[in-house]
Amino acid sequence: MIILSNKPNVRGIKKVAEDVKYRTQLIGRDGRLFAGLISTRVTGMGMGFIFALILVGLPALLKILGVF
């Protein structure tokens, strides 16, 4: 004789719910990261350009002026 249970598979439901929660958190984190990158890209490019001018332009200017 086989006895069948009428109880729902709670472990399966919990596992699926945890998987959905994990995936939504990944999607949310990716969205926030992308929004942060987009909002700071102009500032970052400007700072990079100024930093490059300091590192390359200043020694080149000093070389042209004959300081070195």
PDB file of N, CA and C in Angstrom:
ATOM      1  N   MET A   1       0.842  -1.171   0.000  1.00  0.00           N
ATOM      2  CA  MET A   1       0.000   0.000   0.000  1.00  0.00           C
ATOM      3  C   MET A   1       0.897   1.248   0.000  1.00  0.00           C
ATOM      4  N   ILE A   2       0.625   2.184  -0.889  1.00  0.00           N
ATOM      5  CA  ILE A   2       1.379   3.433  -1.000  1.00  0.00           C
ATOM      6  C   ILE A   2       0.551   4.560  -0.397  1.00  0.00           C
ATOM      7  N   ILE A   3       1.190   5.323   0.482  1.00  0.00           N
ATOM      8  CA  ILE A   3       0.500   6.453   1.104  1.00  0.00           C
ATOM      9  C   ILE A   3       1.008   7.735   0.448  1.00  0.00           C
ATOM     10  N   LEU A   4       0.109   8.501  -0.102  1.00  0.00           N
ATOM     11  CA  LEU A   4       0.454   9.772  -0.727  1.00  0.00           C
ATOM     12  C   LEU A   4       0.132  10.907   0.238  1.00  0.00           C
ATOM     13  N   SER A   5       1.004  11.882   0.295  1.00  0.00           N
ATOM     14  CA  SER A   5       0.809  13.014   1.186  1.00  0.00           C
ATOM     15  C   SER A   5       0.120  14.141   0.423  1.00  0.00           C
ATOM     16  N   ASN A   6      -0.750  14.823   1.081  1.00  0.00           N
ATOM     17  CA  ASN A   6      -1.400  15.971   0.454  1.00  0.00           C
ATOM     18  C   ASN A   6      -0.743  17.290   0.865  1.00  0.00           C
ATOM     19  N   LYS A   7       0.409  17.217   1.560  1.00  0.00           N
ATOM     20  CA  LYS A   7       1.130  18.421   1.968  1.00  0.00           C
ATOM     21  C   LYS A   7       1.908  18.965   0.773  1.00  0.00           C
ATOM     22  N   PRO A   8       1.977  20.286   0.623  1.00  0.00           N
ATOM     23  CA  PRO A   8       2.743  20.854  -0.496  1.00  0.00           C
ATOM     24  C   PRO A   8       4.251  20.683  -0.280  1.00  0.00           C
ATOM     25  N   ASN A   9       4.963  20.714  -1.354  1.00  0.00           N
ATOM     26  CA  ASN A   9       6.424  20.593  -1.301  1.00  0.00           C
ATOM     27  C   ASN A   9       6.998  21.944  -0.886  1.00  0.00           C
ATOM     28  N   VAL A  10       7.083  22.175   0.407  1.00  0.00           N
ATOM     29  CA  VAL A  10       7.503  23.467   0.939  1.00  0.00           C
ATOM     30  C   VAL A  10       8.972  23.731   0.625  1.00  0.00           C
ATOM     31  N   ARG A  11       9.809  22.696   0.681  1.00  0.00           N
ATOM     32  CA  ARG A  11      11.233  22.902   0.382  1.00  0.00           C
ATOM     33  C   ARG A  11      11.432  23.380  -1.051  1.00  0.00           C
ATOM     34  N   GLY A  12      10.697  22.822  -1.975  1.00  0.00           N
ATOM     35  CA  GLY A  12      10.807  23.241  -3.375  1.00  0.00           C
ATOM     36  C   GLY A  12      10.366  24.677  -3.582  1.00  0.00           C
ATOM     37  N   ILE A  13       9.280  25.043  -2.913  1.00  0.00           N
ATOM     38  CA  ILE A  13       8.770  26.412  -3.021  1.00  0.00           C
ATOM     39  C   ILE A  13       9.762  27.392  -2.420  1.00  0.00           C
ATOM     40  N   LYS A  14      10.336  27.042  -1.271  1.00  0.00           N
ATOM     41  CA  LYS A  14      11.327  27.930  -0.635  1.00  0.00           C
ATOM     42  C   LYS A  14      12.563  28.085  -1.508  1.00  0.00           C
ATOM     43  N   LYS A  15      13.006  26.998  -2.131  1.00  0.00           N
ATOM     44  CA  LYS A  15      14.190  27.065  -2.987  1.00  0.00           C
ATOM     45  C   LYS A  15      13.944  27.966  -4.194  1.00  0.00           C
ATOM     46  N   VAL A  16      12.782  27.838  -4.801  1.00  0.00           N
ATOM     47  CA  VAL A  16      12.445  28.684  -5.950  1.00  0.00           C
ATOM     48  C   VAL A  16      12.336  30.144  -5.517  1.00  0.00           C
ATOM     49  N   ALA A  17      11.741  30.393  -4.359  1.00  0.00           N
ATOM     50  CA  ALA A  17      11.605  31.767  -3.869  1.00  0.00           C
ATOM     51  C   ALA A  17      12.973  32.383  -3.592  1.00  0.00           C
ATOM     52  N   GLU A  18      13.883  31.605  -3.000  1.00  0.00           N
ATOM     53  CA  GLU A  18      15.239  32.110  -2.751  1.00  0.00           C
ATOM     54  C   GLU A  18      15.974  32.392  -4.057  1.00  0.00           C
ATOM     55  N   ASP A  19      15.771  31.532  -5.059  1.00  0.00           N
ATOM     56  CA  ASP A  19      16.408  31.734  -6.352  1.00  0.00           C
ATOM     57  C   ASP A  19      15.897  33.008  -7.026  1.00  0.00           C
ATOM     58  N   VAL A  20      14.593  33.224  -6.957  1.00  0.00           N
ATOM     59  CA  VAL A  20      14.010  34.438  -7.539  1.00  0.00           C
ATOM     60  C   VAL A  20      14.524  35.674  -6.809  1.00  0.00           C
ATOM     61  N   LYS A  21      14.595  35.604  -5.496  1.00  0.00           N
ATOM     62  CA  LYS A  21      15.095  36.744  -4.707  1.00  0.00           C
ATOM     63  C   LYS A  21      16.543  37.049  -5.070  1.00  0.00           C
ATOM     64  N   TYR A  22      17.374  36.016  -5.184  1.00  0.00           N
ATOM     65  CA  TYR A  22      18.786  36.193  -5.535  1.00  0.00           C
ATOM     66  C   TYR A  22      18.919  36.836  -6.920  1.00  0.00           C
ATOM     67  N   ARG A  23      18.151  36.348  -7.872  1.00  0.00           N
ATOM     68  CA  ARG A  23      18.235  36.903  -9.229  1.00  0.00           C
ATOM     69  C   ARG A  23      17.763  38.350  -9.293  1.00  0.00           C
ATOM     70  N   THR A  24      16.711  38.685  -8.563  1.00  0.00           N
ATOM     71  CA  THR A  24      16.249  40.078  -8.572  1.00  0.00           C
ATOM     72  C   THR A  24      17.276  40.998  -7.915  1.00  0.00           C
ATOM     73  N   GLN A  25      17.961  40.501  -6.889  1.00  0.00           N
ATOM     74  CA  GLN A  25      19.017  41.305  -6.269  1.00  0.00           C
ATOM     75  C   GLN A  25      20.171  41.525  -7.236  1.00  0.00           C
ATOM     76  N   LEU A  26      20.521  40.500  -8.025  1.00  0.00           N
ATOM     77  CA  LEU A  26      21.581  40.667  -9.025  1.00  0.00           C
ATOM     78  C   LEU A  26      21.188  41.685 -10.085  1.00  0.00           C
ATOM     79  N   ILE A  27      19.946  41.612 -10.542  1.00  0.00           N
ATOM     80  CA  ILE A  27      19.474  42.558 -11.556  1.00  0.00           C
ATOM     81  C   ILE A  27      19.472  43.973 -10.995  1.00  0.00           C
ATOM     82  N   GLY A  28      19.015  44.128  -9.752  1.00  0.00           N
ATOM     83  CA  GLY A  28      19.006  45.450  -9.122  1.00  0.00           C
ATOM     84  C   GLY A  28      20.398  46.008  -8.938  1.00  0.00           C
ATOM     85  N   ARG A  29      21.326  45.154  -8.508  1.00  0.00           N
ATOM     86  CA  ARG A  29      22.708  45.610  -8.324  1.00  0.00           C
ATOM     87  C   ARG A  29      23.320  46.030  -9.648  1.00  0.00           C
ATOM     88  N   ASP A  30      23.055  45.265 -10.693  1.00  0.00           N
ATOM     89  CA  ASP A  30      23.575  45.610 -12.013  1.00  0.00           C
ATOM     90  C   ASP A  30      23.009  46.946 -12.495  1.00  0.00           C
ATOM     91  N   GLY A  31      21.731  47.153 -12.261  1.00  0.00           N
ATOM     92  CA  GLY A  31      21.110  48.421 -12.661  1.00  0.00           C
ATOM     93  C   GLY A  31      21.691  49.609 -11.913  1.00  0.00           C
ATOM     94  N   ARG A  32      21.889  49.442 -10.605  1.00  0.00           N
ATOM     95  CA  ARG A  32      22.466  50.546  -9.824  1.00  0.00           C
ATOM     96  C   ARG A  32      23.907  50.833 -10.235  1.00  0.00           C
ATOM     97  N   LEU A  33      24.669  49.780 -10.502  1.00  0.00           N
ATOM     98  CA  LEU A  33      26.051  49.962 -10.934  1.00  0.00           C
ATOM     99  C   LEU A  33      26.115  50.693 -12.264  1.00  0.00           C
ATOM    100  N   PHE A  34      25.268  50.297 -13.207  1.00  0.00           N
ATOM    101  CA  PHE A  34      25.251  50.938 -14.519  1.00  0.00           C
ATOM    102  C   PHE A  34      24.835  52.396 -14.404  1.00  0.00           C
ATOM    103  N   ALA A  35      23.845  52.682 -13.573  1.00  0.00           N
ATOM    104  CA  ALA A  35      23.407  54.069 -13.386  1.00  0.00           C
ATOM    105  C   ALA A  35      24.527  54.909 -12.779  1.00  0.00           C
ATOM    106  N   GLY A  36      25.272  54.340 -11.844  1.00  0.00           N
ATOM    107  CA  GLY A  36      26.396  55.062 -11.251  1.00  0.00           C
ATOM    108  C   GLY A  36      27.495  55.331 -12.253  1.00  0.00           C
ATOM    109  N   LEU A  37      27.768  54.359 -13.109  1.00  0.00           N
ATOM    110  CA  LEU A  37      28.795  54.558 -14.129  1.00  0.00           C
ATOM    111  C   LEU A  37      28.388  55.630 -15.129  1.00  0.00           C
ATOM    112  N   ILE A  38      27.134  55.619 -15.534  1.00  0.00           N
ATOM    113  CA  ILE A  38      26.657  56.600 -16.497  1.00  0.00           C
ATOM    114  C   ILE A  38      26.705  58.006 -15.907  1.00  0.00           C
ATOM    115  N   SER A  39      26.341  58.137 -14.633  1.00  0.00           N
ATOM    116  CA  SER A  39      26.270  59.476 -14.039  1.00  0.00           C
ATOM    117  C   SER A  39      27.643  60.077 -13.781  1.00  0.00           C
ATOM    118  N   THR A  40      28.692  59.264 -13.682  1.00  0.00           N
ATOM    119  CA  THR A  40      30.015  59.795 -13.374  1.00  0.00           C
ATOM    120  C   THR A  40      30.987  59.727 -14.545  1.00  0.00           C
ATOM    121  N   ARG A  41      30.527  59.341 -15.725  1.00  0.00           N
ATOM    122  CA  ARG A  41      31.481  59.152 -16.826  1.00  0.00           C
ATOM    123  C   ARG A  41      32.088  60.469 -17.306  1.00  0.00           C
ATOM    124  N   VAL A  42      31.320  61.546 -17.385  1.00  0.00           N
ATOM    125  CA  VAL A  42      31.856  62.823 -17.869  1.00  0.00           C
ATOM    126  C   VAL A  42      32.881  63.361 -16.878  1.00  0.00           C
ATOM    127  N   THR A  43      32.566  63.281 -15.604  1.00  0.00           N
ATOM    128  CA  THR A  43      33.499  63.735 -14.572  1.00  0.00           C
ATOM    129  C   THR A  43      34.782  62.906 -14.609  1.00  0.00           C
ATOM    130  N   GLY A  44      34.625  61.602 -14.757  1.00  0.00           N
ATOM    131  CA  GLY A  44      35.790  60.723 -14.806  1.00  0.00           C
ATOM    132  C   GLY A  44      36.663  60.982 -16.014  1.00  0.00           C
ATOM    133  N   MET A  45      36.047  61.219 -17.169  1.00  0.00           N
ATOM    134  CA  MET A  45      36.839  61.520 -18.369  1.00  0.00           C
ATOM    135  C   MET A  45      37.565  62.851 -18.216  1.00  0.00           C
ATOM    136  N   GLY A  46      36.893  63.838 -17.616  1.00  0.00           N
ATOM    137  CA  GLY A  46      37.534  65.137 -17.396  1.00  0.00           C
ATOM    138  C   GLY A  46      38.714  65.033 -16.447  1.00  0.00           C
ATOM    139  N   MET A  47      38.538  64.280 -15.372  1.00  0.00           N
ATOM    140  CA  MET A  47      39.637  64.105 -14.421  1.00  0.00           C
ATOM    141  C   MET A  47      40.791  63.327 -15.059  1.00  0.00           C
ATOM    142  N   GLY A  48      40.472  62.348 -15.874  1.00  0.00           N
ATOM    143  CA  GLY A  48      41.510  61.589 -16.562  1.00  0.00           C
ATOM    144  C   GLY A  48      42.283  62.453 -17.540  1.00  0.00           C
ATOM    145  N   PHE A  49      41.586  63.336 -18.248  1.00  0.00           N
ATOM    146  CA  PHE A  49      42.250  64.231 -19.194  1.00  0.00           C
ATOM    147  C   PHE A  49      43.198  65.183 -18.462  1.00  0.00           C
ATOM    148  N   ILE A  50      42.743  65.748 -17.358  1.00  0.00           N
ATOM    149  CA  ILE A  50      43.590  66.662 -16.584  1.00  0.00           C
ATOM    150  C   ILE A  50      44.801  65.922 -16.017  1.00  0.00           C
ATOM    151  N   PHE A  51      44.585  64.709 -15.510  1.00  0.00           N
ATOM    152  CA  PHE A  51      45.673  63.907 -14.972  1.00  0.00           C
ATOM    153  C   PHE A  51      46.696  63.576 -16.060  1.00  0.00           C
ATOM    154  N   ALA A  52      46.212  63.256 -17.268  1.00  0.00           N
ATOM    155  CA  ALA A  52      47.121  62.967 -18.383  1.00  0.00           C
ATOM    156  C   ALA A  52      47.915  64.208 -18.782  1.00  0.00           C
ATOM    157  N   LEU A  53      47.264  65.368 -18.764  1.00  0.00           N
ATOM    158  CA  LEU A  53      47.985  66.601 -19.074  1.00  0.00           C
ATOM    159  C   LEU A  53      49.091  66.870 -18.062  1.00  0.00           C
ATOM    160  N   ILE A  54      48.798  66.605 -16.796  1.00  0.00           N
ATOM    161  CA  ILE A  54      49.813  66.816 -15.756  1.00  0.00           C
ATOM    162  C   ILE A  54      50.978  65.857 -15.946  1.00  0.00           C
ATOM    163  N   LEU A  55      50.681  64.586 -16.195  1.00  0.00           N
ATOM    164  CA  LEU A  55      51.735  63.578 -16.308  1.00  0.00           C
ATOM    165  C   LEU A  55      52.561  63.709 -17.587  1.00  0.00           C
ATOM    166  N   VAL A  56      51.922  64.110 -18.670  1.00  0.00           N
ATOM    167  CA  VAL A  56      52.625  64.163 -19.965  1.00  0.00           C
ATOM    168  C   VAL A  56      52.921  65.601 -20.376  1.00  0.00           C
ATOM    169  N   GLY A  57      51.950  66.468 -20.210  1.00  0.00           N
ATOM    170  CA  GLY A  57      52.097  67.835 -20.696  1.00  0.00           C
ATOM    171  C   GLY A  57      53.096  68.659 -19.912  1.00  0.00           C
ATOM    172  N   LEU A  58      53.103  68.524 -18.617  1.00  0.00           N
ATOM    173  CA  LEU A  58      54.016  69.311 -17.786  1.00  0.00           C
ATOM    174  C   LEU A  58      55.478  68.981 -18.076  1.00  0.00           C
ATOM    175  N   PRO A  59      55.888  67.708 -18.107  1.00  0.00           N
ATOM    176  CA  PRO A  59      57.278  67.429 -18.469  1.00  0.00           C
ATOM    177  C   PRO A  59      57.624  67.867 -19.891  1.00  0.00           C
ATOM    178  N   ALA A  60      56.688  67.738 -20.819  1.00  0.00           N
ATOM    179  CA  ALA A  60      56.932  68.171 -22.191  1.00  0.00           C
ATOM    180  C   ALA A  60      57.102  69.686 -22.257  1.00  0.00           C
ATOM    181  N   LEU A  61      56.295  70.417 -21.514  1.00  0.00           N
ATOM    182  CA  LEU A  61      56.415  71.872 -21.475  1.00  0.00           C
ATOM    183  C   LEU A  61      57.742  72.301 -20.878  1.00  0.00           C
ATOM    184  N   LEU A  62      58.149  71.639 -19.798  1.00  0.00           N
ATOM    185  CA  LEU A  62      59.423  71.950 -19.179  1.00  0.00           C
ATOM    186  C   LEU A  62      60.596  71.632 -20.119  1.00  0.00           C
ATOM    187  N   LYS A  63      60.478  70.570 -20.890  1.00  0.00           N
ATOM    188  CA  LYS A  63      61.522  70.190 -21.852  1.00  0.00           C
ATOM    189  C   LYS A  63      61.614  71.252 -22.964  1.00  0.00           C
ATOM    190  N   ILE A  64      60.456  71.709 -23.430  1.00  0.00           N
ATOM    191  CA  ILE A  64      60.443  72.734 -24.490  1.00  0.00           C
ATOM    192  C   ILE A  64      61.033  74.035 -23.974  1.00  0.00           C
ATOM    193  N   LEU A  65      60.742  74.396 -22.735  1.00  0.00           N
ATOM    194  CA  LEU A  65      61.271  75.644 -22.170  1.00  0.00           C
ATOM    195  C   LEU A  65      62.752  75.547 -21.804  1.00  0.00           C
ATOM    196  N   GLY A  66      63.299  74.353 -21.842  1.00  0.00           N
ATOM    197  CA  GLY A  66      64.719  74.172 -21.573  1.00  0.00           C
ATOM    198  C   GLY A  66      65.084  74.057 -20.117  1.00  0.00           C
ATOM    199  N   VAL A  67      64.123  73.781 -19.267  1.00  0.00           N
ATOM    200  CA  VAL A  67      64.388  73.642 -17.845  1.00  0.00           C
ATOM    201  C   VAL A  67      65.179  72.356 -17.596  1.00  0.00           C
ATOM    202  N   PHE A  68      64.862  71.307 -18.341  1.00  0.00           N
ATOM    203  CA  PHE A  68      65.582  70.030 -18.209  1.00  0.00           C
ATOM    204  C   PHE A  68      66.471  69.796 -19.382  1.00  0.00           C
TER     205      PHE A  68
END
